[in-house]
Protein backbone atom coordinates (compact mmCIF):
# COMPACT_ATOMS: atom_id res chain seq x y z
CA MET A 1 104.93 35.57 66.53
CA PRO A 2 101.06 37.06 66.38
CA PRO A 3 98.41 34.65 65.02
CA GLY A 4 98.35 35.09 61.33
CA THR A 5 102.21 35.68 60.68
CA SER A 6 104.19 33.35 58.88
CA PRO A 7 106.12 30.77 60.27
CA ALA A 8 109.99 30.80 60.80
CA PRO A 9 111.76 28.41 58.84
CA ALA A 10 111.99 24.68 59.90
CA GLU A 11 115.54 24.82 60.63
CA GLN A 12 114.95 27.60 62.88
CA ALA A 13 112.28 25.37 65.05
CA ALA A 14 112.66 25.60 68.87
CA VAL A 15 111.47 21.84 68.65
CA CYS A 16 111.38 19.79 65.87
CA MET A 17 110.34 15.55 66.63
CA ARG A 18 110.62 13.10 64.01
CA GLY A 19 108.99 10.06 63.75
CA ILE A 20 108.68 9.67 67.29
CA ASP A 21 107.12 6.02 68.38
CA LYS A 22 106.26 4.80 71.64
CA ARG A 23 104.46 2.03 72.72
CA PHE A 24 103.75 0.67 76.16
CA GLY A 25 102.71 -2.93 75.98
CA ALA A 26 100.00 -3.71 73.06
CA VAL A 27 99.23 0.05 73.36
CA HIS A 28 100.84 2.44 70.50
CA ALA A 29 101.02 5.59 72.33
CA ASN A 30 103.00 7.56 69.91
CA ASN A 31 102.66 6.68 66.00
CA GLN A 32 105.44 8.04 63.85
CA VAL A 33 104.88 11.87 65.72
CA ASN A 34 105.99 14.44 63.78
CA LEU A 35 105.55 17.99 65.97
CA THR A 36 107.50 21.06 64.73
CA VAL A 37 107.15 24.52 67.21
CA HIS A 38 108.51 27.46 66.42
CA PRO A 39 110.57 29.89 68.43
CA GLY A 40 108.46 32.64 70.45
CA THR A 41 104.80 31.02 69.90
CA VAL A 42 102.64 29.42 71.93
CA HIS A 43 101.61 26.14 70.78
CA GLY A 44 98.71 24.00 71.32
CA ILE A 45 98.46 20.22 71.79
CA VAL A 46 95.16 18.84 71.94
CA GLY A 47 93.56 15.45 71.70
CA GLU A 48 91.06 13.37 74.02
CA ASN A 49 92.36 11.46 76.84
CA GLY A 50 94.51 8.53 75.92
CA ALA A 51 95.66 10.69 72.33
CA GLY A 52 99.09 10.28 73.23
CA LYS A 53 99.50 13.90 73.98
CA SER A 54 101.11 13.67 77.21
CA THR A 55 103.39 10.94 76.57
CA LEU A 56 104.95 13.00 73.59
CA MET A 57 105.61 15.75 75.63
CA SER A 58 106.75 13.70 78.48
CA ILE A 59 109.14 12.23 75.91
CA LEU A 60 110.32 15.91 75.29
CA TYR A 61 111.15 16.22 79.01
CA GLY A 62 112.87 13.21 79.45
CA PHE A 63 110.37 11.36 81.57
CA TYR A 64 110.20 8.33 79.19
CA GLN A 65 112.58 7.73 76.15
CA ALA A 66 111.15 6.92 72.51
CA ASP A 67 111.27 3.59 71.16
CA SER A 68 112.38 5.62 68.00
CA GLY A 69 112.55 9.04 66.15
CA SER A 70 114.67 12.18 66.70
CA ILE A 71 114.32 15.19 68.66
CA GLU A 72 116.15 18.41 67.67
CA ILE A 73 116.03 21.68 70.04
CA GLU A 74 116.85 24.91 68.66
CA GLY A 75 118.45 23.28 65.47
CA ARG A 76 120.83 20.95 67.15
CA PRO A 77 120.06 17.42 67.84
CA ALA A 78 119.46 16.31 71.07
CA GLN A 79 119.40 13.17 73.50
CA ILE A 80 116.85 13.75 76.58
CA PRO A 81 117.25 10.55 78.85
CA GLY A 82 116.01 12.68 81.64
CA SER A 83 114.47 15.84 83.10
CA ARG A 84 117.94 16.90 84.18
CA GLU A 85 119.15 17.08 80.97
CA ALA A 86 115.72 18.42 79.25
CA ILE A 87 116.50 21.40 82.27
CA ALA A 88 120.32 21.72 80.76
CA LEU A 89 118.91 21.98 77.31
CA GLY A 90 116.03 24.89 78.39
CA ILE A 91 112.83 23.07 78.81
CA GLY A 92 110.59 23.35 81.33
CA MET A 93 107.27 21.92 82.26
CA VAL A 94 104.50 22.90 84.78
CA HIS A 95 102.34 19.83 85.67
CA GLN A 96 98.94 20.06 85.90
CA HIS A 97 99.52 18.42 89.63
CA PHE A 98 101.93 20.99 90.92
CA MET A 99 105.05 19.41 92.00
CA LEU A 100 106.03 21.07 95.24
CA VAL A 101 106.85 20.49 98.69
CA ASP A 102 103.52 21.74 100.95
CA THR A 103 105.24 22.23 103.95
CA LEU A 104 108.42 24.50 102.46
CA SER A 105 108.47 28.10 101.31
CA ALA A 106 108.21 29.22 97.86
CA LEU A 107 111.82 30.68 98.08
CA ASP A 108 112.91 27.29 98.68
CA ASN A 109 110.92 25.28 96.68
CA VAL A 110 112.54 27.17 93.76
CA MET A 111 115.90 26.00 95.05
CA LEU A 112 115.60 22.56 95.83
CA GLY A 113 117.49 20.72 93.88
CA ALA A 114 119.25 23.70 92.58
CA GLU A 115 121.01 25.23 95.27
CA PRO A 116 124.15 27.64 94.11
CA GLY A 117 126.13 26.68 97.19
CA TRP A 118 126.55 24.53 100.22
CA ARG A 119 126.01 27.38 102.84
CA LEU A 120 122.38 28.07 102.66
CA SER A 121 121.75 31.42 103.83
CA ALA A 122 124.26 32.84 101.07
CA ALA A 123 122.26 30.28 98.89
CA ARG A 124 118.65 31.50 100.10
CA ALA A 125 120.18 35.21 99.27
CA GLU A 126 121.36 34.50 96.03
CA VAL A 127 118.23 32.75 94.71
CA ARG A 128 115.79 35.45 96.34
CA SER A 129 117.95 38.45 94.34
CA GLY A 130 117.69 36.35 91.25
CA LEU A 131 113.93 36.15 91.94
CA ASP A 132 113.24 39.21 92.56
CA ALA A 133 114.79 40.26 88.78
CA LEU A 134 112.79 37.64 87.40
CA MET A 135 109.33 38.46 89.17
CA HIS A 136 110.20 42.07 87.90
CA ASP A 137 110.81 41.30 84.36
CA THR A 138 108.16 38.98 84.05
CA GLY A 139 105.07 40.40 86.11
CA LEU A 140 104.97 36.63 87.97
CA ARG A 141 104.42 37.97 91.65
CA VAL A 142 104.86 35.18 94.55
CA ASP A 143 105.31 35.65 98.38
CA LEU A 144 108.61 33.90 98.75
CA ASP A 145 108.64 33.64 102.48
CA ALA A 146 104.95 32.21 102.39
CA LEU A 147 104.58 28.35 102.96
CA VAL A 148 103.24 26.67 99.58
CA GLN A 149 100.07 24.98 101.36
CA ASP A 150 99.32 28.52 102.15
CA LEU A 151 99.67 29.98 98.71
CA PRO A 152 96.15 30.15 96.54
CA VAL A 153 96.21 27.94 93.37
CA GLY A 154 96.85 30.95 91.09
CA GLU A 155 99.90 31.68 93.13
CA ARG A 156 101.01 28.26 93.58
CA GLN A 157 100.94 27.91 89.83
CA ARG A 158 102.94 31.31 88.94
CA LEU A 159 105.48 29.45 91.33
CA GLU A 160 106.29 26.59 89.22
CA ILE A 161 106.27 29.07 86.27
CA LEU A 162 108.94 30.91 88.08
CA LYS A 163 110.61 27.65 89.07
CA ALA A 164 111.11 26.59 85.35
CA LEU A 165 111.99 30.12 84.27
CA PHE A 166 114.84 30.57 86.84
CA ARG A 167 116.44 27.15 85.85
CA GLY A 168 116.57 28.91 82.29
CA ALA A 169 113.48 27.43 80.41
CA ARG A 170 112.98 28.89 77.32
CA ILE A 171 110.70 26.01 76.33
CA LEU A 172 107.87 25.87 78.54
CA ILE A 173 104.98 22.79 78.67
CA LEU A 174 102.15 23.11 80.44
CA ASP A 175 99.91 20.58 81.18
CA GLU A 176 96.27 21.49 81.30
CA PRO A 177 97.08 24.79 83.33
CA THR A 178 93.48 26.29 83.96
CA ALA A 179 91.80 22.99 85.08
CA VAL A 180 91.67 24.17 88.29
CA LEU A 181 91.82 28.29 88.10
CA THR A 182 88.69 30.57 88.55
CA PRO A 183 88.09 32.88 85.51
CA GLN A 184 90.21 35.69 86.92
CA GLU A 185 93.05 33.27 87.65
CA THR A 186 92.77 31.88 84.25
CA GLU A 187 92.86 35.32 82.56
CA ALA A 188 95.65 36.82 84.35
CA LEU A 189 97.89 33.18 83.52
CA PHE A 190 96.84 34.38 79.90
CA VAL A 191 98.38 37.79 80.45
CA THR A 192 101.46 36.06 81.75
CA LEU A 193 101.98 33.94 78.65
CA ARG A 194 101.38 36.56 76.59
CA GLN A 195 104.08 38.17 78.39
CA LEU A 196 106.22 35.71 78.10
CA ARG A 197 105.66 34.69 74.50
CA ALA A 198 106.53 38.77 74.17
CA ARG A 199 110.22 37.66 75.57
CA GLY A 200 110.66 34.97 73.41
CA THR A 201 109.61 32.08 75.39
CA THR A 202 108.09 29.10 73.59
CA ILE A 203 105.04 27.82 75.26
CA LEU A 204 103.67 24.37 74.57
CA LEU A 205 99.81 23.90 76.07
CA ILE A 206 98.24 20.88 76.72
CA THR A 207 94.66 21.82 77.19
CA HIS A 208 91.04 20.25 76.70
CA LYS A 209 89.77 23.66 76.54
CA LEU A 210 89.13 24.70 72.79
CA LYS A 211 88.78 28.09 73.61
CA GLU A 212 91.90 28.94 75.19
CA ILE A 213 93.58 27.49 71.99
CA MET A 214 91.54 29.63 69.69
CA ALA A 215 92.70 32.70 72.30
CA LEU A 216 95.76 31.90 73.19
CA CYS A 217 97.58 29.57 70.50
CA ASP A 218 99.49 30.41 67.38
CA ALA A 219 99.44 27.23 66.05
CA VAL A 220 97.75 24.00 67.25
CA THR A 221 98.60 20.29 66.70
CA VAL A 222 95.60 17.82 66.88
CA MET A 223 96.27 14.12 67.83
CA ARG A 224 94.07 11.55 68.14
CA GLY A 225 94.99 7.62 68.45
CA GLY A 226 98.72 8.10 68.62
CA LYS A 227 98.78 10.09 65.63
CA VAL A 228 98.80 13.31 64.39
CA VAL A 229 95.72 14.25 62.52
CA LEU A 230 95.71 17.83 62.05
CA ASP A 231 98.72 20.39 62.23
CA THR A 232 98.04 24.16 61.60
CA ALA A 233 97.75 27.57 62.05
CA ILE A 234 95.03 28.90 64.47
CA ALA A 235 93.95 31.43 61.46
CA ASP A 236 92.68 28.41 59.57
CA THR A 237 90.81 26.57 61.85
CA SER A 238 87.88 26.83 64.20
CA ILE A 239 86.60 25.63 67.49
CA ASP A 240 83.96 23.07 65.79
CA GLY A 241 87.05 21.92 63.51
CA LEU A 242 89.44 21.23 66.32
CA ALA A 243 86.35 19.16 68.23
CA GLU A 244 85.87 17.40 64.79
CA ALA A 245 89.54 16.38 64.66
CA MET A 246 89.86 15.10 67.95
CA VAL A 247 86.99 13.02 68.03
CA GLY A 248 86.59 12.23 64.41
CA ARG A 249 82.95 13.20 63.85
CA ARG A 250 81.34 16.49 64.56
CA VAL A 251 80.63 17.04 68.25
CA ASN A 252 77.92 19.10 69.86
CA LEU A 253 78.55 20.92 72.83
CA GLY A 254 75.89 23.54 72.81
CA ARG A 255 72.04 23.25 73.86
CA SER A 256 70.37 20.73 72.84
CA ALA A 257 67.30 22.36 71.83
CA LYS A 258 67.61 24.68 68.72
CA PRO A 259 66.85 28.49 69.23
CA GLY A 260 63.62 29.61 70.05
CA ALA A 261 62.28 25.98 70.70
CA ALA A 262 59.70 25.46 73.23
CA ARG A 263 60.76 24.53 76.55
CA HIS A 264 59.54 21.89 78.29
CA GLU A 265 58.06 23.54 81.83
CA PRO A 266 59.31 21.92 84.71
CA GLY A 267 57.00 19.55 86.84
CA VAL A 268 56.92 19.39 90.74
CA VAL A 269 59.25 20.63 93.41
CA LEU A 270 61.41 18.00 94.48
CA LEU A 271 63.86 19.37 96.67
CA GLN A 272 63.06 22.91 98.23
CA ALA A 273 66.07 24.54 100.95
CA SER A 274 65.43 28.28 102.41
CA GLY A 275 67.35 30.46 104.66
CA LEU A 276 70.63 28.07 104.60
CA GLY A 277 73.46 29.36 106.46
CA VAL A 278 76.93 28.40 106.90
CA THR A 279 79.92 29.38 108.94
CA ASP A 280 83.35 28.82 108.77
CA GLU A 281 85.81 28.00 111.83
CA LEU A 282 86.81 31.60 111.05
CA GLY A 283 83.32 33.03 111.60
CA VAL A 284 82.91 34.05 107.76
CA ALA A 285 79.69 33.43 106.44
CA ARG A 286 80.22 30.85 103.76
CA LEU A 287 76.13 30.94 102.97
CA ALA A 288 73.85 33.60 104.01
CA ASP A 289 70.18 32.96 103.77
CA VAL A 290 70.46 31.14 100.58
CA GLY A 291 67.56 29.28 99.28
CA LEU A 292 66.06 27.46 95.91
CA GLN A 293 63.62 24.55 94.67
CA LEU A 294 64.81 22.15 92.40
CA ARG A 295 61.42 20.72 90.12
CA ALA A 296 61.05 17.37 87.92
CA GLY A 297 62.37 17.77 84.51
CA GLU A 298 64.35 20.42 84.97
CA ILE A 299 68.50 21.20 85.25
CA VAL A 300 69.46 24.17 87.45
CA GLY A 301 72.47 25.85 87.15
CA ILE A 302 74.61 27.64 89.59
CA ALA A 303 77.52 30.19 88.74
CA GLY A 304 79.50 32.48 90.19
CA VAL A 305 83.23 32.72 90.88
CA SER A 306 84.72 29.97 92.48
CA GLY A 307 84.66 30.22 96.38
CA ASN A 308 81.33 31.91 96.66
CA GLY A 309 79.45 29.19 98.44
CA GLN A 310 78.71 26.70 95.72
CA SER A 311 81.04 24.15 97.53
CA GLU A 312 79.13 24.95 100.74
CA LEU A 313 75.85 24.66 99.28
CA LEU A 314 76.38 21.25 97.49
CA ASP A 315 77.82 19.74 100.85
CA VAL A 316 74.94 21.42 102.54
CA LEU A 317 72.25 19.85 100.30
CA SER A 318 74.12 16.34 99.81
CA GLY A 319 74.27 15.95 103.81
CA LEU A 320 78.03 16.41 103.85
CA ARG A 321 77.70 19.61 105.93
CA VAL A 322 75.54 20.36 108.44
CA PRO A 323 74.65 24.12 108.57
CA HIS A 324 74.23 26.64 111.55
CA GLN A 325 70.50 27.69 110.17
CA GLY A 326 68.10 26.58 107.30
CA GLU A 327 65.53 23.94 106.46
CA LEU A 328 65.10 21.56 103.42
CA GLN A 329 62.17 19.82 101.96
CA VAL A 330 62.72 16.43 99.96
CA GLY A 331 61.04 13.17 99.28
CA GLY A 332 57.80 14.28 101.67
CA GLN A 333 60.33 14.76 104.72
CA SER A 334 61.33 18.22 106.32
CA PHE A 335 65.17 18.61 107.82
CA SER A 336 66.03 21.50 110.06
CA ALA A 337 69.50 22.53 111.27
CA PRO A 338 70.92 21.11 113.44
CA ARG A 339 68.93 18.03 113.09
CA TRP A 340 70.18 17.52 109.23
CA ILE A 341 69.71 15.24 106.80
CA SER A 342 72.76 12.70 106.78
CA THR A 343 74.33 11.28 103.55
CA ARG A 344 72.72 8.03 104.24
CA GLN A 345 69.19 9.74 104.40
CA ALA A 346 70.01 11.45 101.37
CA ARG A 347 70.74 8.10 99.12
CA ASP A 348 67.23 6.86 100.65
CA LEU A 349 65.66 9.62 99.56
CA ARG A 350 67.71 9.22 96.06
CA ILE A 351 69.66 12.12 95.95
CA ALA A 352 72.78 11.35 94.07
CA HIS A 353 75.92 13.68 94.72
CA VAL A 354 79.24 13.85 92.30
CA PRO A 355 81.64 15.67 94.48
CA GLU A 356 83.42 18.59 92.86
CA ASP A 357 86.79 16.91 93.39
CA ARG A 358 86.68 13.20 92.26
CA HIS A 359 90.05 11.93 93.58
CA ARG A 360 89.32 13.44 97.13
CA ARG A 361 85.86 12.56 97.55
CA GLY A 362 84.81 10.95 94.36
CA LEU A 363 87.13 7.61 94.40
CA VAL A 364 89.59 5.37 96.29
CA LEU A 365 92.61 5.92 94.01
CA PRO A 366 94.27 2.62 94.63
CA PHE A 367 90.81 0.83 94.47
CA ASP A 368 89.75 -1.57 91.86
CA ALA A 369 87.45 0.17 89.38
CA TRP A 370 84.54 -2.32 90.88
CA GLU A 371 85.23 -0.89 94.53
CA SER A 372 85.01 2.58 93.66
CA ALA A 373 81.91 1.71 91.73
CA ALA A 374 80.28 0.61 95.18
CA LEU A 375 81.13 3.25 97.32
CA GLY A 376 78.57 4.66 99.91
CA TYR A 377 76.15 2.02 98.69
CA GLN A 378 78.34 -0.87 100.08
CA ASP A 379 75.97 -1.74 102.33
CA ARG A 380 72.83 -1.64 100.29
CA ALA A 381 70.76 -5.12 100.68
CA ARG A 382 72.21 -6.12 97.20
CA TYR A 383 75.99 -5.96 98.23
CA ALA A 384 75.75 -6.41 101.73
CA GLY A 385 75.82 -10.52 102.41
CA GLY A 386 75.73 -9.88 106.14
CA GLY A 387 76.47 -12.42 108.87
CA ILE A 388 79.07 -12.12 111.77
CA LEU A 389 81.73 -10.71 109.77
CA GLY A 390 79.71 -8.35 107.63
CA TRP A 391 81.15 -9.50 104.34
CA MET A 392 79.79 -8.22 100.98
CA ARG A 393 79.07 -9.99 97.66
CA GLN A 394 82.03 -9.17 95.65
CA ARG A 395 80.84 -10.79 92.57
CA VAL A 396 77.71 -8.95 92.52
CA MET A 397 79.92 -5.33 92.73
CA ARG A 398 82.01 -6.32 89.78
CA GLU A 399 79.25 -7.43 87.67
CA ASP A 400 77.45 -4.16 88.30
CA CYS A 401 80.46 -2.25 87.73
CA ALA A 402 80.86 -3.78 84.23
CA GLN A 403 76.96 -3.08 83.56
CA MET A 404 78.11 0.88 84.52
CA MET A 405 81.23 0.46 82.53
CA ASP A 406 79.09 -0.72 79.29
CA ARG A 407 76.41 2.00 80.18
CA TYR A 408 78.71 4.98 80.51
CA ASP A 409 81.30 4.09 78.13
CA VAL A 410 84.39 3.40 80.79
CA ARG A 411 87.07 2.91 79.09
CA PRO A 412 88.98 0.35 79.66
CA ARG A 413 85.98 -1.86 80.61
CA ASN A 414 87.79 -3.35 83.29
CA PRO A 415 86.44 -3.53 86.54
CA ALA A 416 89.87 -4.61 88.19
CA LEU A 417 91.87 -1.70 87.27
CA ARG A 418 92.80 0.44 89.72
CA SER A 419 91.25 3.35 89.81
CA SER A 420 93.95 5.53 89.42
CA LYS A 421 94.75 4.47 85.93
CA PHE A 422 91.82 5.52 84.63
CA SER A 423 92.10 8.96 82.52
CA GLY A 424 90.11 11.95 84.31
CA GLY A 425 87.44 11.81 82.15
CA ASN A 426 86.75 7.93 82.72
CA GLN A 427 87.29 8.60 86.17
CA GLN A 428 84.47 10.98 85.89
CA LYS A 429 82.17 8.88 84.08
CA LEU A 430 83.04 5.82 86.81
CA VAL A 431 81.48 8.40 89.54
CA LEU A 432 78.40 9.79 87.65
CA ALA A 433 77.81 5.76 86.54
CA ARG A 434 77.77 5.17 90.27
CA GLU A 435 75.64 7.75 91.17
CA ALA A 436 73.08 6.97 88.69
CA PHE A 437 73.04 3.27 88.86
CA ALA A 438 74.29 1.94 92.30
CA THR A 439 70.56 2.59 94.24
CA GLY A 440 69.16 0.30 91.41
CA THR A 441 66.86 2.92 89.80
CA GLU A 442 67.28 6.75 88.21
CA PRO A 443 67.94 9.21 91.16
CA GLN A 444 65.16 11.69 91.88
CA VAL A 445 67.64 14.59 92.73
CA LEU A 446 71.32 14.68 91.12
CA LEU A 447 73.72 17.01 92.63
CA VAL A 448 76.53 17.52 90.57
CA GLY A 449 79.95 19.75 90.77
CA GLN A 450 82.20 20.45 88.36
CA PRO A 451 80.77 17.79 85.78
CA THR A 452 83.81 18.27 83.27
CA ARG A 453 86.48 19.61 84.89
CA GLY A 454 89.75 18.31 83.48
CA VAL A 455 87.63 16.13 81.07
CA ASP A 456 88.27 15.87 77.13
CA ILE A 457 85.52 17.02 74.57
CA GLY A 458 84.52 13.87 73.59
CA ALA A 459 83.65 12.79 77.48
CA ILE A 460 82.10 16.70 77.76
CA GLU A 461 79.37 15.61 75.08
CA PHE A 462 78.74 12.22 76.72
CA ILE A 463 78.31 13.64 80.47
CA HIS A 464 75.92 16.49 78.91
CA GLY A 465 73.85 13.99 77.30
CA ARG A 466 73.60 12.00 80.47
CA LEU A 467 72.57 14.65 82.43
CA ARG A 468 70.10 15.97 80.15
CA ALA A 469 68.71 12.22 79.72
CA MET A 470 68.62 12.21 83.40
CA ARG A 471 66.36 15.65 83.47
CA ASP A 472 64.32 14.26 80.48
CA ALA A 473 63.12 11.27 82.61
CA GLY A 474 61.82 13.03 85.35
CA GLY A 475 64.55 13.48 87.65
CA ALA A 476 65.98 17.40 89.09
CA VAL A 477 69.86 18.27 88.05
CA LEU A 478 71.72 20.92 89.71
CA VAL A 479 74.93 21.72 88.15
CA VAL A 480 77.32 23.70 89.87
CA SER A 481 80.30 24.84 87.32
CA SER A 482 83.35 27.13 86.98
CA GLU A 483 82.45 27.20 83.28
CA LEU A 484 79.92 29.60 82.42
CA ASP A 485 79.97 27.86 78.59
CA GLU A 486 79.25 24.60 80.34
CA ILE A 487 76.22 26.36 82.63
CA LEU A 488 74.59 28.32 79.41
CA ALA A 489 74.70 24.84 77.48
CA LEU A 490 73.05 22.47 80.32
CA ALA A 491 70.69 24.46 82.34
CA ASP A 492 67.18 25.68 82.13
CA ARG A 493 67.41 28.12 84.79
CA VAL A 494 70.57 29.92 85.93
CA ILE A 495 71.11 30.78 90.20
CA VAL A 496 74.27 33.20 90.81
CA MET A 497 75.89 33.19 93.75
CA ASN A 498 78.19 35.94 94.91
CA ALA A 499 79.74 36.23 98.18
CA GLY A 500 77.57 33.65 100.15
CA ARG A 501 74.14 34.97 98.69
CA VAL A 502 71.78 34.17 95.75
CA ALA A 503 72.87 37.44 93.49
CA GLY A 504 70.10 36.53 91.09
CA GLU A 505 67.93 33.74 89.28
CA LEU A 506 67.09 33.76 85.47
CA PRO A 507 65.43 31.68 82.85
CA ILE A 508 67.95 30.50 80.11
CA GLU A 509 66.05 32.43 77.76
CA GLN A 510 67.40 35.54 79.78
CA CYS A 511 70.68 34.38 80.17
CA SER A 512 74.09 35.32 78.67
CA GLU A 513 77.48 35.83 79.90
CA SER A 514 77.29 39.53 80.18
CA ALA A 515 73.89 39.47 82.07
CA ILE A 516 75.52 36.12 84.21
CA GLY A 517 78.81 38.34 84.59
CA ARG A 518 77.45 41.63 86.27
CA LEU A 519 75.42 39.17 88.70
CA MET A 520 78.94 37.41 89.61
CA GLY A 521 80.44 40.34 90.07
CA GLY A 522 77.59 41.92 92.71
CA ALA A 523 76.47 44.57 90.00
CA GLY A 524 72.71 43.36 89.93
CA ALA A 525 70.74 42.22 86.82
CA ALA A 526 70.43 44.55 84.24
CA GLU A 527 66.99 45.95 83.27
CA PRO A 528 65.30 43.47 80.52
CA GLU A 529 65.63 45.90 77.56
CA GLN A 530 68.93 46.18 78.69
CA ALA A 531 69.81 42.40 78.42
CA ALA A 532 67.89 41.95 75.49
CA ALA A 533 69.83 44.67 73.79
């Protein structure tokens, strides 16, 4: 159904959930939720972390059972005690963290658990034939013989969608599908989803990205505190309206300064790097003669398509990686490759680092929050008790974690809760709080990778506010983000990277999506009058 078209009658709904109620102990995850999704549409489900949207979709897919309420699928009452029954009803789900076996081929991943016969070679041939036809019909292309571990992220996601469609999904649930995709992969996914909608597939889209909701969906349901607070056609709402419904108040995600306001001039250079070069194990140059300055009282944004050297730059500046060439001046000290700054030296010089992947590098998920809140700083005098056994002052760590949680609005405020139990936004706030707090003073230089990836709109506003506060306190903040809107909202100056090199540098006053896009694509900057036009 194209946006703005009148919906089908309620009795023809692809999904109808009535009075869905679900509790987890004292938490009322779903509170009398009603949801109607019309066939052949893309229906957005949005809300902050903990709003109840994932619980609702998990009930629809059979992971959870509702305490009360009813479900109809394509006009018929449905009992969904498990995912097997959901699949039999034509429901498929693509999770944010892919459910694939890395060491199996793409073909075997599709066939796993749905083998058409006991003879493996014949089963593979039958599945391959069906997948070839499905890829032709949908435009979803995947190398069926490649191991999943060798596939790029966008292709793994296409494989997950193919797997669901191959098993007969007419209703497709997508949970944060663009959280790990590049802008190009995101646009390719949108093309795919529009094609699937045109073929009659019904799509439920869970995402934090409101621009995607407005660009792709026909209707949207907003949840807050386990309840539906808004259910509307896309034509009747806006990004601001959705944001306000999600949070319960007006939300500011744009620039903090009003248009035309004078920008505070940055201060002294706090970090300077020049001639940085990094070559990977295959001999490919990931950084080539990269240089930059970070000044007090300034946020510098690094823009570029993912994989163009931004990650390597963060690793080099934080001491996680030694470049094969380059120089670094920070805190009155100089470092040259190969005798590079270490992570310990970086912390001593008040360089803090919020890594791009909070799960792999920022937290130890099985650790309690107070343990994750001390990671990297556990040998500081405040925490290290010394002695023969090298014991640590756990009480002090717990007390500091409680203060971090209070200052950075980490919910729930429970230092003893396992790190994996927090939502993505609260995990990110915990990492940011540690890097801003554990040294005992504000960092002089803060390096932040993907500050709001997979984070809800309220947490985005909070994190942006904290980054601006660090800048206003005289720190230098370097932000790497694949979200161009985020760069434009935060940065005072933008450096664009392409193929491991600095493609251009612009003050924020000269930045636009088109100007940055040209540099990201390697086309070079437009002339000033062109940019102004």
